[in-house]
C-alpha atoms as a PDB file:
ATOM      1  CA  MET A   1      88.457 119.015 103.834  1.00  0.00           C
ATOM      2  CA  PRO A   2      85.401 117.344 102.262  1.00  0.00           C
ATOM      3  CA  ASP A   3      81.817 118.284 102.997  1.00  0.00           C
ATOM      4  CA  ALA A   4      80.604 116.462 106.125  1.00  0.00           C
ATOM      5  CA  ARG A   5      77.773 114.995 104.103  1.00  0.00           C
ATOM      6  CA  GLU A   6      80.035 113.249 101.602  1.00  0.00           C
ATOM      7  CA  ARG A   7      79.566 109.526 102.199  1.00  0.00           C
ATOM      8  CA  ILE A   8      81.689 106.754 100.746  1.00  0.00           C
ATOM      9  CA  LEU A   9      80.877 103.065 100.528  1.00  0.00           C
ATOM     10  CA  LEU A  10      83.988 100.883 100.268  1.00  0.00           C
ATOM     11  CA  VAL A  11      83.369  97.411  98.806  1.00  0.00           C
ATOM     12  CA  GLU A  12      86.566  95.421  99.324  1.00  0.00           C
ATOM     13  CA  ASP A  13      87.128  91.853 100.557  1.00  0.00           C
ATOM     14  CA  ASP A  14      90.861  92.063 101.326  1.00  0.00           C
ATOM     15  CA  PRO A  15      90.894  92.629 105.132  1.00  0.00           C
ATOM     16  CA  SER A  16      94.175  94.536 105.384  1.00  0.00           C
ATOM     17  CA  LEU A  17      93.482  96.761 102.382  1.00  0.00           C
ATOM     18  CA  ALA A  18      89.906  97.380 103.474  1.00  0.00           C
ATOM     19  CA  MET A  19      90.853  98.450 106.996  1.00  0.00           C
ATOM     20  CA  GLY A  20      93.729 100.591 105.749  1.00  0.00           C
ATOM     21  CA  LEU A  21      91.502 102.445 103.288  1.00  0.00           C
ATOM     22  CA  LEU A  22      88.687 102.719 105.827  1.00  0.00           C
ATOM     23  CA  HIS A  23      90.877 104.392 108.430  1.00  0.00           C
ATOM     24  CA  ASN A  24      92.633 106.694 105.978  1.00  0.00           C
ATOM     25  CA  LEU A  25      89.416 107.853 104.292  1.00  0.00           C
ATOM     26  CA  LYS A  26      87.897 108.563 107.693  1.00  0.00           C
ATOM     27  CA  PHE A  27      91.048 110.492 108.614  1.00  0.00           C
ATOM     28  CA  GLU A  28      90.507 112.606 105.484  1.00  0.00           C
ATOM     29  CA  GLY A  29      87.083 113.522 106.864  1.00  0.00           C
ATOM     30  CA  PHE A  30      84.808 111.234 104.859  1.00  0.00           C
ATOM     31  CA  ASP A  31      81.904 109.262 106.288  1.00  0.00           C
ATOM     32  CA  VAL A  32      82.839 105.694 105.276  1.00  0.00           C
ATOM     33  CA  SER A  33      80.956 102.391 105.342  1.00  0.00           C
ATOM     34  CA  LEU A  34      82.457  99.006 104.481  1.00  0.00           C
ATOM     35  CA  ALA A  35      81.057  95.968 102.676  1.00  0.00           C
ATOM     36  CA  ARG A  36      83.155  92.827 102.227  1.00  0.00           C
ATOM     37  CA  ASP A  37      81.243  91.131  99.400  1.00  0.00           C
ATOM     38  CA  GLY A  38      79.274  92.061  96.307  1.00  0.00           C
ATOM     39  CA  GLU A  39      75.787  91.257  97.599  1.00  0.00           C
ATOM     40  CA  THR A  40      76.262  93.327 100.741  1.00  0.00           C
ATOM     41  CA  GLY A  41      77.820  96.169  98.768  1.00  0.00           C
ATOM     42  CA  LEU A  42      74.912  96.234  96.328  1.00  0.00           C
ATOM     43  CA  ARG A  43      72.349  96.273  99.134  1.00  0.00           C
ATOM     44  CA  MET A  44      74.159  99.009 101.063  1.00  0.00           C
ATOM     45  CA  ALA A  45      74.585 101.158  97.954  1.00  0.00           C
ATOM     46  CA  CYS A  46      70.875 100.869  97.132  1.00  0.00           C
ATOM     47  CA  ASP A  47      69.746 101.506 100.717  1.00  0.00           C
ATOM     48  CA  ASP A  48      72.202 104.214 101.786  1.00  0.00           C
ATOM     49  CA  ARG A  49      72.747 106.050  98.472  1.00  0.00           C
ATOM     50  CA  PRO A  50      76.360 107.134  99.189  1.00  0.00           C
ATOM     51  CA  ASP A  51      78.016 109.903  97.187  1.00  0.00           C
ATOM     52  CA  LEU A  52      80.800 107.562  96.047  1.00  0.00           C
ATOM     53  CA  VAL A  53      81.291 103.800  95.852  1.00  0.00           C
ATOM     54  CA  ILE A  54      84.849 102.471  95.810  1.00  0.00           C
ATOM     55  CA  LEU A  55      84.228  99.079  94.259  1.00  0.00           C
ATOM     56  CA  ASP A  56      86.707  96.202  93.941  1.00  0.00           C
ATOM     57  CA  VAL A  57      86.288  94.080  90.828  1.00  0.00           C
ATOM     58  CA  MET A  58      87.239  90.710  92.354  1.00  0.00           C
ATOM     59  CA  LEU A  59      84.695  90.036  95.101  1.00  0.00           C
ATOM     60  CA  PRO A  60      83.163  86.898  96.609  1.00  0.00           C
ATOM     61  CA  GLY A  61      79.661  86.195  95.383  1.00  0.00           C
ATOM     62  CA  ILE A  62      78.799  88.632  92.633  1.00  0.00           C
ATOM     63  CA  ASP A  63      81.790  90.538  91.297  1.00  0.00           C
ATOM     64  CA  GLY A  64      82.273  94.276  90.990  1.00  0.00           C
ATOM     65  CA  PHE A  65      81.151  94.398  87.375  1.00  0.00           C
ATOM     66  CA  GLU A  66      77.814  92.815  88.310  1.00  0.00           C
ATOM     67  CA  VAL A  67      77.370  95.223  91.225  1.00  0.00           C
ATOM     68  CA  LEU A  68      78.142  98.165  88.938  1.00  0.00           C
ATOM     69  CA  ALA A  69      75.695  96.950  86.284  1.00  0.00           C
ATOM     70  CA  GLU A  70      72.917  96.475  88.843  1.00  0.00           C
ATOM     71  CA  LEU A  71      73.431  99.937  90.328  1.00  0.00           C
ATOM     72  CA  ARG A  72      73.261 101.626  86.931  1.00  0.00           C
ATOM     73  CA  ARG A  73      70.313  99.445  85.901  1.00  0.00           C
ATOM     74  CA  ALA A  74      68.506 100.688  89.021  1.00  0.00           C
ATOM     75  CA  GLY A  75      69.098 104.278  87.899  1.00  0.00           C
ATOM     76  CA  LEU A  76      71.510 105.131  90.708  1.00  0.00           C
ATOM     77  CA  GLU A  77      73.947 107.836  89.665  1.00  0.00           C
ATOM     78  CA  MET A  78      76.430 107.968  92.526  1.00  0.00           C
ATOM     79  CA  GLN A  79      80.081 108.183  91.540  1.00  0.00           C
ATOM     80  CA  ILE A  80      81.749 104.756  91.218  1.00  0.00           C
ATOM     81  CA  LEU A  81      85.510 104.231  91.367  1.00  0.00           C
ATOM     82  CA  MET A  82      86.625 100.720  90.406  1.00  0.00           C
ATOM     83  CA  LEU A  83      89.598  98.957  92.017  1.00  0.00           C
ATOM     84  CA  THR A  84      91.285  96.109  90.183  1.00  0.00           C
ATOM     85  CA  ALA A  85      94.463  94.063  90.292  1.00  0.00           C
ATOM     86  CA  ARG A  86      94.077  93.520  86.561  1.00  0.00           C
ATOM     87  CA  GLY A  87      95.210  96.506  84.548  1.00  0.00           C
ATOM     88  CA  THR A  88      94.190  95.213  81.136  1.00  0.00           C
ATOM     89  CA  ASP A  89      92.435  97.495  78.682  1.00  0.00           C
ATOM     90  CA  GLU A  90      89.602  94.957  78.396  1.00  0.00           C
ATOM     91  CA  ASP A  91      88.732  95.291  82.095  1.00  0.00           C
ATOM     92  CA  LYS A  92      88.865  99.068  81.963  1.00  0.00           C
ATOM     93  CA  VAL A  93      86.708  99.200  78.842  1.00  0.00           C
ATOM     94  CA  GLN A  94      84.188  96.841  80.434  1.00  0.00           C
ATOM     95  CA  GLY A  95      83.994  98.844  83.659  1.00  0.00           C
ATOM     96  CA  LEU A  96      83.729 102.211  81.959  1.00  0.00           C
ATOM     97  CA  GLY A  97      81.215 100.795  79.516  1.00  0.00           C
ATOM     98  CA  LEU A  98      79.022  99.652  82.408  1.00  0.00           C
ATOM     99  CA  GLY A  99      79.082 103.139  83.897  1.00  0.00           C
ATOM    100  CA  ALA A 100      82.135 103.411  86.155  1.00  0.00           C
ATOM    101  CA  ASP A 101      83.387 106.979  86.594  1.00  0.00           C
ATOM    102  CA  ASP A 102      87.043 106.092  87.142  1.00  0.00           C
ATOM    103  CA  TYR A 103      89.429 103.157  87.432  1.00  0.00           C
ATOM    104  CA  ILE A 104      92.504 102.606  89.587  1.00  0.00           C
ATOM    105  CA  THR A 105      94.831  99.598  89.364  1.00  0.00           C
ATOM    106  CA  LYS A 106      96.378  97.861  92.366  1.00  0.00           C
ATOM    107  CA  PRO A 107      98.872  98.458  93.777  1.00  0.00           C
ATOM    108  CA  PHE A 108      98.232 102.183  94.147  1.00  0.00           C
ATOM    109  CA  SER A 109      99.425 104.882  96.507  1.00  0.00           C
ATOM    110  CA  LEU A 110      97.078 106.323  99.126  1.00  0.00           C
ATOM    111  CA  ARG A 111      97.847 109.782  97.767  1.00  0.00           C
ATOM    112  CA  GLU A 112      96.674 108.756  94.304  1.00  0.00           C
ATOM    113  CA  LEU A 113      93.476 107.203  95.676  1.00  0.00           C
ATOM    114  CA  ILE A 114      92.570 110.320  97.678  1.00  0.00           C
ATOM    115  CA  ALA A 115      93.192 112.450  94.588  1.00  0.00           C
ATOM    116  CA  ARG A 116      90.899 110.183  92.530  1.00  0.00           C
ATOM    117  CA  VAL A 117      88.234 110.297  95.262  1.00  0.00           C
ATOM    118  CA  ASN A 118      88.279 114.088  95.352  1.00  0.00           C
ATOM    119  CA  ALA A 119      88.165 114.266  91.569  1.00  0.00           C
ATOM    120  CA  ALA A 120      85.164 111.926  91.480  1.00  0.00           C
ATOM    121  CA  LEU A 121      83.374 114.000  94.106  1.00  0.00           C
ATOM    122  CA  ARG A 122      83.824 117.348  92.362  1.00  0.00           C
ATOM    123  CA  ARG A 123      80.580 116.798  90.472  1.00  0.00           C
ATOM    124  CA  VAL A 124      78.793 115.977  93.729  1.00  0.00           C
ATOM    125  CA  ARG A 125      80.128 119.148  95.328  1.00  0.00           C
ATOM    126  CA  ARG A 126      79.171 121.252  92.300  1.00  0.00           C
ATOM    127  CA  GLU A 127      75.658 119.814  92.166  1.00  0.00           C
ATOM    128  CA  ARG A 128      75.238 120.320  95.905  1.00  0.00           C
ATOM    129  CA  ALA A 129      76.350 123.960  95.610  1.00  0.00           C
ATOM    130  CA  GLU A 130      73.937 124.537  92.719  1.00  0.00           C
ATOM    131  CA  ALA A 131      71.109 122.895  94.640  1.00  0.00           C
ATOM    132  CA  ALA A 132      71.837 125.045  97.677  1.00  0.00           C
ATOM    133  CA  ALA A 133      71.250 128.152  95.578  1.00  0.00           C
ATOM    134  CA  ARG A 134      67.776 127.029  94.459  1.00  0.00           C
ATOM    135  CA  PRO A 135      64.675 127.037  96.663  1.00  0.00           C
ATOM    136  CA  VAL A 136      62.948 123.712  97.205  1.00  0.00           C
ATOM    137  CA  VAL A 137      59.272 124.086  96.295  1.00  0.00           C
ATOM    138  CA  PHE A 138      56.452 121.591  96.800  1.00  0.00           C
ATOM    139  CA  ALA A 139      52.714 122.249  96.907  1.00  0.00           C
ATOM    140  CA  ASP A 140      52.360 125.629  98.683  1.00  0.00           C
ATOM    141  CA  ILE A 141      55.612 125.304 100.629  1.00  0.00           C
ATOM    142  CA  VAL A 142      58.895 127.051  99.770  1.00  0.00           C
ATOM    143  CA  ILE A 143      62.196 126.137 101.457  1.00  0.00           C
ATOM    144  CA  ASP A 144      64.872 128.809 100.986  1.00  0.00           C
ATOM    145  CA  LEU A 145      68.208 127.061 101.523  1.00  0.00           C
ATOM    146  CA  LYS A 146      70.218 130.294 101.517  1.00  0.00           C
ATOM    147  CA  THR A 147      68.261 132.025 104.261  1.00  0.00           C
ATOM    148  CA  ARG A 148      67.181 128.748 105.939  1.00  0.00           C
ATOM    149  CA  THR A 149      63.579 129.899 106.018  1.00  0.00           C
ATOM    150  CA  VAL A 150      60.303 128.158 105.185  1.00  0.00           C
ATOM    151  CA  GLN A 151      57.017 129.586 103.962  1.00  0.00           C
ATOM    152  CA  LYS A 152      53.635 127.921 103.605  1.00  0.00           C
ATOM    153  CA  ALA A 153      51.078 129.684 101.412  1.00  0.00           C
ATOM    154  CA  GLY A 154      53.252 132.798 101.645  1.00  0.00           C
ATOM    155  CA  GLU A 155      53.337 132.771 105.443  1.00  0.00           C
ATOM    156  CA  PRO A 156      56.606 132.114 107.337  1.00  0.00           C
ATOM    157  CA  ARG A 157      56.902 128.995 109.479  1.00  0.00           C
ATOM    158  CA  ARG A 158      59.369 128.961 112.343  1.00  0.00           C
ATOM    159  CA  LEU A 159      61.459 125.788 112.478  1.00  0.00           C
ATOM    160  CA  SER A 160      64.369 124.829 114.694  1.00  0.00           C
ATOM    161  CA  GLN A 161      67.726 124.082 113.086  1.00  0.00           C
ATOM    162  CA  LYS A 162      67.215 120.310 113.259  1.00  0.00           C
ATOM    163  CA  GLU A 163      63.617 120.562 112.052  1.00  0.00           C
ATOM    164  CA  PHE A 164      64.868 122.512 109.036  1.00  0.00           C
ATOM    165  CA  GLU A 165      67.648 119.989 108.320  1.00  0.00           C
ATOM    166  CA  LEU A 166      65.207 117.081 108.602  1.00  0.00           C
ATOM    167  CA  LEU A 167      62.770 118.845 106.268  1.00  0.00           C
ATOM    168  CA  VAL A 168      65.480 119.431 103.644  1.00  0.00           C
ATOM    169  CA  PHE A 169      66.711 115.836 103.861  1.00  0.00           C
ATOM    170  CA  MET A 170      63.219 114.436 103.381  1.00  0.00           C
ATOM    171  CA  ALA A 171      62.324 116.882 100.585  1.00  0.00           C
ATOM    172  CA  ARG A 172      65.454 115.796  98.699  1.00  0.00           C
ATOM    173  CA  ASN A 173      64.479 112.127  98.984  1.00  0.00           C
ATOM    174  CA  PRO A 174      60.829 111.999  97.900  1.00  0.00           C
ATOM    175  CA  GLY A 175      59.033 108.712  97.493  1.00  0.00           C
ATOM    176  CA  ARG A 176      61.708 106.657  99.278  1.00  0.00           C
ATOM    177  CA  VAL A 177      61.314 104.878 102.601  1.00  0.00           C
ATOM    178  CA  LEU A 178      63.636 106.620 105.055  1.00  0.00           C
ATOM    179  CA  THR A 179      64.311 104.504 108.111  1.00  0.00           C
ATOM    180  CA  ARG A 180      64.635 106.144 111.493  1.00  0.00           C
ATOM    181  CA  GLU A 181      68.211 104.861 111.659  1.00  0.00           C
ATOM    182  CA  GLU A 182      69.087 106.505 108.334  1.00  0.00           C
ATOM    183  CA  ILE A 183      67.451 109.772 109.369  1.00  0.00           C
ATOM    184  CA  LEU A 184      69.370 109.826 112.653  1.00  0.00           C
ATOM    185  CA  LYS A 185      72.630 109.023 110.847  1.00  0.00           C
ATOM    186  CA  VAL A 186      72.265 111.720 108.184  1.00  0.00           C
ATOM    187  CA  VAL A 187      70.565 114.540 110.109  1.00  0.00           C
ATOM    188  CA  TRP A 188      72.026 114.051 113.596  1.00  0.00           C
ATOM    189  CA  GLY A 189      75.302 112.322 112.721  1.00  0.00           C
ATOM    190  CA  TRP A 190      76.898 108.928 113.335  1.00  0.00           C
ATOM    191  CA  ASP A 191      77.868 109.698 116.919  1.00  0.00           C
ATOM    192  CA  TYR A 192      74.433 110.923 118.059  1.00  0.00           C
ATOM    193  CA  ASP A 193      73.172 108.840 120.962  1.00  0.00           C
ATOM    194  CA  GLY A 194      69.475 109.266 120.280  1.00  0.00           C
ATOM    195  CA  THR A 195      66.515 106.931 119.805  1.00  0.00           C
ATOM    196  CA  ASP A 196      63.731 106.395 117.299  1.00  0.00           C
ATOM    197  CA  ARG A 197      61.551 108.592 119.502  1.00  0.00           C
ATOM    198  CA  THR A 198      63.709 111.570 118.539  1.00  0.00           C
ATOM    199  CA  VAL A 199      62.760 111.161 114.865  1.00  0.00           C
ATOM    200  CA  ASP A 200      59.091 110.619 115.692  1.00  0.00           C
ATOM    201  CA  ASN A 201      58.970 113.821 117.747  1.00  0.00           C
ATOM    202  CA  PHE A 202      60.560 115.883 114.988  1.00  0.00           C
ATOM    203  CA  ILE A 203      58.252 114.436 112.333  1.00  0.00           C
ATOM    204  CA  ARG A 204      55.332 115.370 114.571  1.00  0.00           C
ATOM    205  CA  ALA A 205      56.666 118.942 114.770  1.00  0.00           C
ATOM    206  CA  LEU A 206      57.010 119.190 110.975  1.00  0.00           C
ATOM    207  CA  ARG A 207      53.480 117.901 110.504  1.00  0.00           C
ATOM    208  CA  ALA A 208      52.181 120.520 112.916  1.00  0.00           C
ATOM    209  CA  ALA A 209      54.049 123.272 111.084  1.00  0.00           C
ATOM    210  CA  LEU A 210      53.420 122.298 107.463  1.00  0.00           C
ATOM    211  CA  GLU A 211      50.489 119.906 107.074  1.00  0.00           C
ATOM    212  CA  ASP A 212      46.987 121.266 106.536  1.00  0.00           C
ATOM    213  CA  ASP A 213      45.712 118.482 108.793  1.00  0.00           C
ATOM    214  CA  PRO A 214      48.541 117.107 110.958  1.00  0.00           C
ATOM    215  CA  ALA A 215      46.377 114.187 112.078  1.00  0.00           C
ATOM    216  CA  ASN A 216      46.049 113.099 108.436  1.00  0.00           C
ATOM    217  CA  PRO A 217      49.446 113.955 106.949  1.00  0.00           C
ATOM    218  CA  VAL A 218      49.943 114.256 103.202  1.00  0.00           C
ATOM    219  CA  PHE A 219      53.660 115.093 102.997  1.00  0.00           C
ATOM    220  CA  PHE A 220      55.183 113.266 105.977  1.00  0.00           C
ATOM    221  CA  ARG A 221      53.715 109.771 105.646  1.00  0.00           C
ATOM    222  CA  THR A 222      54.415 106.873 107.987  1.00  0.00           C
ATOM    223  CA  ALA A 223      55.838 103.701 106.457  1.00  0.00           C
ATOM    224  CA  PHE A 224      54.569 101.323 109.120  1.00  0.00           C
ATOM    225  CA  GLY A 225      57.293  99.152 110.587  1.00  0.00           C
ATOM    226  CA  ALA A 226      59.975 100.917 108.547  1.00  0.00           C
ATOM    227  CA  GLY A 227      60.121 104.707 108.937  1.00  0.00           C
ATOM    228  CA  TYR A 228      58.754 107.571 106.894  1.00  0.00           C
ATOM    229  CA  ILE A 229      58.107 108.510 103.268  1.00  0.00           C
ATOM    230  CA  PHE A 230      58.089 112.092 102.037  1.00  0.00           C
ATOM    231  CA  ASN A 231      55.264 112.623  99.540  1.00  0.00           C
ATOM    232  CA  LEU A 232      56.165 115.511  97.232  1.00  0.00           C
ATOM    233  CA  GLU A 233      52.715 116.519  96.012  1.00  0.00           C
ATOM    234  CA  LYS A 234      49.219 116.735  97.390  1.00  0.00           C
ATOM    235  CA  PRO A 235      46.799 114.269  95.842  1.00  0.00           C
ATOM    236  CA  ALA A 236      44.417 115.736  93.289  1.00  0.00           C
ATOM    237  CA  ALA A 237      41.116 116.930  94.708  1.00  0.00           C
ATOM    238  CA  THR A 238      38.144 114.674  94.030  1.00  0.00           C
END
């Protein structure tokens, strides 16, 4: 079974195909979102940063090639698997040239698609395993992912399981606005029936544990009206 954190964005406008793939990918254990046009798919890919995008070429609005080009132009490196009803070499060359990781031609079997998905995600799984073996270090704080411990200036800090998971998620996404909804979805899970207050309380706990001055946070910054931003480094002293 895949890692629970492996997230797939499916960009497909054919209703029957989209729902069939959605249900089957979820059955395989993946966390799947659906977009039915190119503009929505591009926005969701940029906002949610899934591990894999399954991207149809023929879409209303902007097509799959344009979505692919925009994602790579933005520096996003998630795996991208293209779907097309046109099996010509020209289409494949264009897609691969724009940065697609794999190509599958309609009609295809579900078994083949799942095999391609797992193949595309092997790099994600390998990189995640390598990252899990390395401590996360910022300023005077060290997060040991193996032992699930945290030190600040050489002194241990006691965090709950969810506080630790929230800290790791934020430290791996520095400089990006993380909405409360996204934080709840990733750290607590899709089926968690919590509120924005949950996130605020946990951010407050992390500030108390790790900020030099919790009332004037450096690492866990508020993005007013949006969520939070994790700032990786302390500003230089003046």
